[in-house]
Amino acid sequence: MIERLETGPRMSKIVKHNGVAYLCGQVGAGESVTDQTRDCLSRVEALLEQAGSSPEQMLQVIIWLADMADFSEMNAVWDAWVPAGHAPARACGEAKLARPELKVEIIVTAAC
């Protein structure tokens, strides 16, 4: 069975299937990569909770940065947030994001 949560005409914020939660990409508010990453991760946590999951259950994370020069700044926030011993498989790349003010987008898949 497939369960879709917070579904709109374009996408669902969460799709659950066979004990796995797939979150739509999360972007954050703020001027800096630090602020946007913190906000993204706060949104990720809320969606994981809604899906019946948690950061400890993340399986894979894909992070898009508008500029790879921000990699270290984003990682400083990520490293402080990810639960010790529960780091997911992760990829990070550079991409043009949906709006020019966006600096980071985070996509999470987690067990639930």
N, C-alpha and C. Protein backbone atom coordinates (compact mmCIF):
# COMPACT_ATOMS: atom_id res chain seq x y z
N MET A 1 0.83 -1.18 0.00
CA MET A 1 0.00 0.00 0.00
C MET A 1 0.89 1.26 0.00
N ILE A 2 0.50 2.23 -0.73
CA ILE A 2 1.19 3.52 -0.79
C ILE A 2 0.34 4.53 -0.04
N GLU A 3 0.98 5.26 0.88
CA GLU A 3 0.29 6.31 1.64
C GLU A 3 0.95 7.64 1.32
N ARG A 4 0.14 8.61 0.93
CA ARG A 4 0.64 9.95 0.59
C ARG A 4 0.11 10.94 1.62
N LEU A 5 1.02 11.75 2.16
CA LEU A 5 0.66 12.74 3.17
C LEU A 5 0.94 14.14 2.64
N GLU A 6 0.05 15.06 2.99
CA GLU A 6 0.16 16.46 2.54
C GLU A 6 0.33 16.51 1.02
N THR A 7 -0.64 15.93 0.35
CA THR A 7 -0.61 15.83 -1.11
C THR A 7 -1.28 17.05 -1.74
N GLY A 8 -0.60 17.62 -2.69
CA GLY A 8 -1.13 18.74 -3.46
C GLY A 8 -1.20 18.33 -4.92
N PRO A 9 -1.50 19.28 -5.80
CA PRO A 9 -1.63 18.94 -7.22
C PRO A 9 -0.30 18.55 -7.86
N ARG A 10 0.83 19.02 -7.30
CA ARG A 10 2.14 18.76 -7.91
C ARG A 10 2.91 17.65 -7.21
N MET A 11 2.78 17.56 -5.89
CA MET A 11 3.58 16.59 -5.15
C MET A 11 2.99 16.32 -3.77
N SER A 12 3.50 15.27 -3.15
CA SER A 12 3.20 14.97 -1.76
C SER A 12 4.45 15.30 -0.95
N LYS A 13 4.27 15.80 0.27
CA LYS A 13 5.44 16.07 1.11
C LYS A 13 6.07 14.79 1.62
N ILE A 14 5.23 13.74 1.81
CA ILE A 14 5.70 12.44 2.28
C ILE A 14 4.98 11.36 1.49
N VAL A 15 5.73 10.37 1.04
CA VAL A 15 5.14 9.17 0.46
C VAL A 15 5.72 7.99 1.22
N LYS A 16 4.83 7.13 1.75
CA LYS A 16 5.27 5.95 2.50
C LYS A 16 4.90 4.70 1.73
N HIS A 17 5.85 3.76 1.70
CA HIS A 17 5.63 2.49 1.00
C HIS A 17 6.56 1.44 1.58
N ASN A 18 5.99 0.29 1.96
CA ASN A 18 6.78 -0.83 2.48
C ASN A 18 7.74 -0.42 3.60
N GLY A 19 7.27 0.40 4.53
CA GLY A 19 8.08 0.77 5.68
C GLY A 19 9.15 1.80 5.41
N VAL A 20 9.05 2.48 4.28
CA VAL A 20 10.02 3.53 3.93
C VAL A 20 9.27 4.82 3.66
N ALA A 21 9.80 5.92 4.20
CA ALA A 21 9.24 7.25 3.96
C ALA A 21 10.17 8.02 3.02
N TYR A 22 9.57 8.57 1.99
CA TYR A 22 10.28 9.40 1.02
C TYR A 22 9.79 10.83 1.21
N LEU A 23 10.69 11.73 1.55
CA LEU A 23 10.32 13.13 1.76
C LEU A 23 10.62 13.93 0.50
N CYS A 24 9.75 14.90 0.23
CA CYS A 24 10.05 15.82 -0.87
C CYS A 24 11.24 16.69 -0.44
N GLY A 25 11.87 17.30 -1.40
CA GLY A 25 13.02 18.16 -1.11
C GLY A 25 12.62 19.31 -0.20
N GLN A 26 13.46 19.57 0.79
CA GLN A 26 13.20 20.64 1.74
C GLN A 26 14.19 21.77 1.55
N VAL A 27 13.68 22.98 1.50
CA VAL A 27 14.51 24.18 1.44
C VAL A 27 14.22 24.98 2.70
N GLY A 28 15.10 25.90 3.02
CA GLY A 28 14.91 26.65 4.24
C GLY A 28 14.94 28.15 4.02
N ALA A 29 14.52 28.86 5.05
CA ALA A 29 14.53 30.32 5.03
C ALA A 29 15.84 30.82 5.63
N GLY A 30 16.19 32.04 5.26
CA GLY A 30 17.37 32.67 5.82
C GLY A 30 18.30 33.16 4.73
N GLU A 31 19.21 34.00 5.13
CA GLU A 31 20.16 34.58 4.17
C GLU A 31 21.37 33.69 3.94
N SER A 32 21.84 33.02 4.99
CA SER A 32 23.09 32.26 4.89
C SER A 32 22.82 30.77 4.68
N VAL A 33 23.84 30.05 4.25
CA VAL A 33 23.75 28.60 4.11
C VAL A 33 23.50 27.99 5.49
N THR A 34 24.12 28.52 6.51
CA THR A 34 23.90 28.03 7.88
C THR A 34 22.44 28.13 8.26
N ASP A 35 21.84 29.31 8.07
CA ASP A 35 20.42 29.50 8.42
C ASP A 35 19.52 28.60 7.60
N GLN A 36 19.76 28.53 6.30
CA GLN A 36 18.91 27.71 5.44
C GLN A 36 19.05 26.22 5.77
N THR A 37 20.27 25.77 6.07
CA THR A 37 20.47 24.36 6.42
C THR A 37 19.77 24.03 7.73
N ARG A 38 19.90 24.90 8.73
CA ARG A 38 19.21 24.67 10.00
C ARG A 38 17.70 24.58 9.80
N ASP A 39 17.15 25.48 9.00
CA ASP A 39 15.72 25.48 8.75
C ASP A 39 15.30 24.23 7.97
N CYS A 40 16.08 23.85 6.97
CA CYS A 40 15.80 22.61 6.21
C CYS A 40 15.74 21.43 7.16
N LEU A 41 16.72 21.30 8.02
CA LEU A 41 16.79 20.14 8.91
C LEU A 41 15.66 20.15 9.93
N SER A 42 15.23 21.32 10.35
CA SER A 42 14.08 21.43 11.23
C SER A 42 12.82 20.92 10.51
N ARG A 43 12.68 21.28 9.25
CA ARG A 43 11.54 20.82 8.45
C ARG A 43 11.61 19.31 8.21
N VAL A 44 12.81 18.81 7.96
CA VAL A 44 13.02 17.37 7.78
C VAL A 44 12.58 16.63 9.05
N GLU A 45 13.03 17.11 10.20
CA GLU A 45 12.65 16.47 11.47
C GLU A 45 11.14 16.41 11.65
N ALA A 46 10.46 17.51 11.36
CA ALA A 46 9.00 17.55 11.50
C ALA A 46 8.33 16.56 10.55
N LEU A 47 8.80 16.48 9.32
CA LEU A 47 8.21 15.53 8.36
C LEU A 47 8.51 14.09 8.76
N LEU A 48 9.72 13.83 9.24
CA LEU A 48 10.04 12.48 9.69
C LEU A 48 9.12 12.06 10.84
N GLU A 49 8.91 12.96 11.78
CA GLU A 49 8.02 12.67 12.90
C GLU A 49 6.61 12.37 12.39
N GLN A 50 6.14 13.18 11.47
CA GLN A 50 4.80 12.99 10.89
C GLN A 50 4.72 11.63 10.19
N ALA A 51 5.81 11.18 9.61
CA ALA A 51 5.84 9.90 8.89
C ALA A 51 6.02 8.71 9.83
N GLY A 52 6.23 8.98 11.12
CA GLY A 52 6.48 7.90 12.06
C GLY A 52 7.93 7.44 12.04
N SER A 53 8.82 8.37 11.74
CA SER A 53 10.24 8.07 11.64
C SER A 53 11.02 9.09 12.48
N SER A 54 12.33 9.11 12.28
CA SER A 54 13.19 10.04 13.02
C SER A 54 14.54 10.15 12.30
N PRO A 55 15.36 11.13 12.69
CA PRO A 55 16.69 11.24 12.07
C PRO A 55 17.53 9.97 12.25
N GLU A 56 17.31 9.23 13.33
CA GLU A 56 18.06 7.99 13.55
C GLU A 56 17.72 6.92 12.51
N GLN A 57 16.61 7.08 11.83
CA GLN A 57 16.16 6.07 10.86
C GLN A 57 16.39 6.47 9.40
N MET A 58 17.15 7.56 9.19
CA MET A 58 17.42 7.97 7.81
C MET A 58 18.25 6.91 7.11
N LEU A 59 17.89 6.63 5.88
CA LEU A 59 18.61 5.66 5.06
C LEU A 59 19.53 6.36 4.07
N GLN A 60 19.00 7.37 3.39
CA GLN A 60 19.75 8.09 2.37
C GLN A 60 19.36 9.56 2.38
N VAL A 61 20.35 10.40 2.18
CA VAL A 61 20.11 11.84 2.07
C VAL A 61 20.86 12.35 0.85
N ILE A 62 20.16 13.17 0.07
CA ILE A 62 20.77 13.86 -1.07
C ILE A 62 20.68 15.35 -0.79
N ILE A 63 21.81 16.00 -0.87
CA ILE A 63 21.88 17.44 -0.61
C ILE A 63 22.34 18.15 -1.87
N TRP A 64 21.56 19.15 -2.27
CA TRP A 64 21.93 20.00 -3.40
C TRP A 64 22.33 21.36 -2.87
N LEU A 65 23.47 21.83 -3.27
CA LEU A 65 23.93 23.18 -2.94
C LEU A 65 23.95 24.02 -4.22
N ALA A 66 23.56 25.27 -4.11
CA ALA A 66 23.63 26.16 -5.26
C ALA A 66 25.08 26.45 -5.62
N ASP A 67 25.97 26.34 -4.63
CA ASP A 67 27.39 26.61 -4.83
C ASP A 67 28.20 25.69 -3.92
N MET A 68 29.02 24.82 -4.49
CA MET A 68 29.82 23.89 -3.69
C MET A 68 30.82 24.61 -2.78
N ALA A 69 31.03 25.89 -3.00
CA ALA A 69 31.88 26.66 -2.08
C ALA A 69 31.27 26.70 -0.68
N ASP A 70 29.96 26.40 -0.58
CA ASP A 70 29.25 26.41 0.71
C ASP A 70 29.27 25.05 1.40
N PHE A 71 30.00 24.08 0.85
CA PHE A 71 30.03 22.72 1.36
C PHE A 71 30.43 22.66 2.84
N SER A 72 31.50 23.31 3.21
CA SER A 72 31.97 23.28 4.61
C SER A 72 30.97 23.92 5.56
N GLU A 73 30.38 25.03 5.15
CA GLU A 73 29.40 25.72 5.99
C GLU A 73 28.17 24.85 6.22
N MET A 74 27.70 24.21 5.16
CA MET A 74 26.55 23.31 5.29
C MET A 74 26.92 22.12 6.18
N ASN A 75 28.09 21.54 5.97
CA ASN A 75 28.52 20.38 6.75
C ASN A 75 28.65 20.69 8.23
N ALA A 76 29.02 21.89 8.60
CA ALA A 76 29.12 22.26 10.02
C ALA A 76 27.76 22.12 10.69
N VAL A 77 26.70 22.52 10.01
CA VAL A 77 25.35 22.38 10.56
C VAL A 77 24.93 20.92 10.53
N TRP A 78 25.15 20.26 9.41
CA TRP A 78 24.79 18.85 9.27
C TRP A 78 25.46 18.00 10.35
N ASP A 79 26.77 18.15 10.50
CA ASP A 79 27.52 17.33 11.45
C ASP A 79 27.02 17.49 12.88
N ALA A 80 26.59 18.69 13.24
CA ALA A 80 26.06 18.94 14.59
C ALA A 80 24.66 18.36 14.75
N TRP A 81 23.95 18.16 13.64
CA TRP A 81 22.55 17.70 13.68
C TRP A 81 22.40 16.19 13.57
N VAL A 82 23.17 15.55 12.69
CA VAL A 82 22.97 14.12 12.44
C VAL A 82 23.29 13.33 13.70
N PRO A 83 22.39 12.39 14.10
CA PRO A 83 22.61 11.64 15.33
C PRO A 83 23.88 10.78 15.24
N ALA A 84 24.71 10.85 16.27
CA ALA A 84 25.95 10.07 16.32
C ALA A 84 25.65 8.59 16.10
N GLY A 85 26.40 7.98 15.22
CA GLY A 85 26.23 6.56 14.93
C GLY A 85 25.09 6.25 13.98
N HIS A 86 24.40 7.26 13.48
CA HIS A 86 23.25 7.04 12.61
C HIS A 86 23.36 7.81 11.29
N ALA A 87 24.57 8.08 10.84
CA ALA A 87 24.74 8.80 9.58
C ALA A 87 24.20 7.97 8.43
N PRO A 88 23.36 8.57 7.59
CA PRO A 88 22.81 7.85 6.44
C PRO A 88 23.82 7.80 5.29
N ALA A 89 23.51 7.00 4.28
CA ALA A 89 24.24 7.13 3.02
C ALA A 89 23.92 8.53 2.51
N ARG A 90 24.92 9.24 1.99
CA ARG A 90 24.68 10.64 1.63
C ARG A 90 25.44 11.02 0.38
N ALA A 91 24.81 11.87 -0.41
CA ALA A 91 25.46 12.47 -1.58
C ALA A 91 25.22 13.97 -1.52
N CYS A 92 26.16 14.72 -2.05
CA CYS A 92 26.01 16.17 -2.09
C CYS A 92 26.56 16.65 -3.43
N GLY A 93 25.79 17.49 -4.10
CA GLY A 93 26.23 18.03 -5.37
C GLY A 93 25.77 19.45 -5.56
N GLU A 94 26.22 20.05 -6.63
CA GLU A 94 25.84 21.42 -6.95
C GLU A 94 24.76 21.40 -8.03
N ALA A 95 23.75 22.24 -7.83
CA ALA A 95 22.66 22.32 -8.79
C ALA A 95 22.04 23.71 -8.73
N LYS A 96 21.48 24.14 -9.84
CA LYS A 96 20.69 25.36 -9.86
C LYS A 96 19.37 25.03 -9.18
N LEU A 97 19.05 25.72 -8.10
CA LEU A 97 17.84 25.44 -7.34
C LEU A 97 16.66 26.24 -7.88
N ALA A 98 15.47 25.97 -7.37
CA ALA A 98 14.23 26.51 -7.94
C ALA A 98 14.13 28.03 -7.92
N ARG A 99 14.72 28.66 -6.89
CA ARG A 99 14.69 30.12 -6.79
C ARG A 99 16.10 30.63 -6.51
N PRO A 100 16.45 31.80 -7.01
CA PRO A 100 17.83 32.28 -6.87
C PRO A 100 18.30 32.48 -5.42
N GLU A 101 17.36 32.73 -4.50
CA GLU A 101 17.77 32.95 -3.11
C GLU A 101 18.06 31.66 -2.35
N LEU A 102 17.67 30.52 -2.94
CA LEU A 102 17.90 29.24 -2.27
C LEU A 102 19.35 28.81 -2.41
N LYS A 103 19.91 28.31 -1.30
CA LYS A 103 21.30 27.89 -1.27
C LYS A 103 21.45 26.40 -1.03
N VAL A 104 20.43 25.76 -0.46
CA VAL A 104 20.52 24.32 -0.12
C VAL A 104 19.14 23.67 -0.20
N GLU A 105 19.13 22.43 -0.68
CA GLU A 105 17.91 21.61 -0.68
C GLU A 105 18.30 20.23 -0.21
N ILE A 106 17.48 19.65 0.68
CA ILE A 106 17.80 18.36 1.29
C ILE A 106 16.65 17.39 1.02
N ILE A 107 16.99 16.21 0.52
CA ILE A 107 16.02 15.16 0.18
C ILE A 107 16.34 13.94 1.04
N VAL A 108 15.34 13.42 1.76
CA VAL A 108 15.57 12.35 2.72
C VAL A 108 14.68 11.14 2.43
N THR A 109 15.28 9.96 2.57
CA THR A 109 14.56 8.69 2.57
C THR A 109 14.87 8.03 3.91
N ALA A 110 13.83 7.54 4.60
CA ALA A 110 14.02 6.98 5.94
C ALA A 110 13.11 5.77 6.16
N ALA A 111 13.56 4.89 7.03
CA ALA A 111 12.72 3.78 7.46
C ALA A 111 11.66 4.33 8.43
N CYS A 112 10.51 3.68 8.44
CA CYS A 112 9.46 4.11 9.38
C CYS A 112 8.70 2.91 9.90
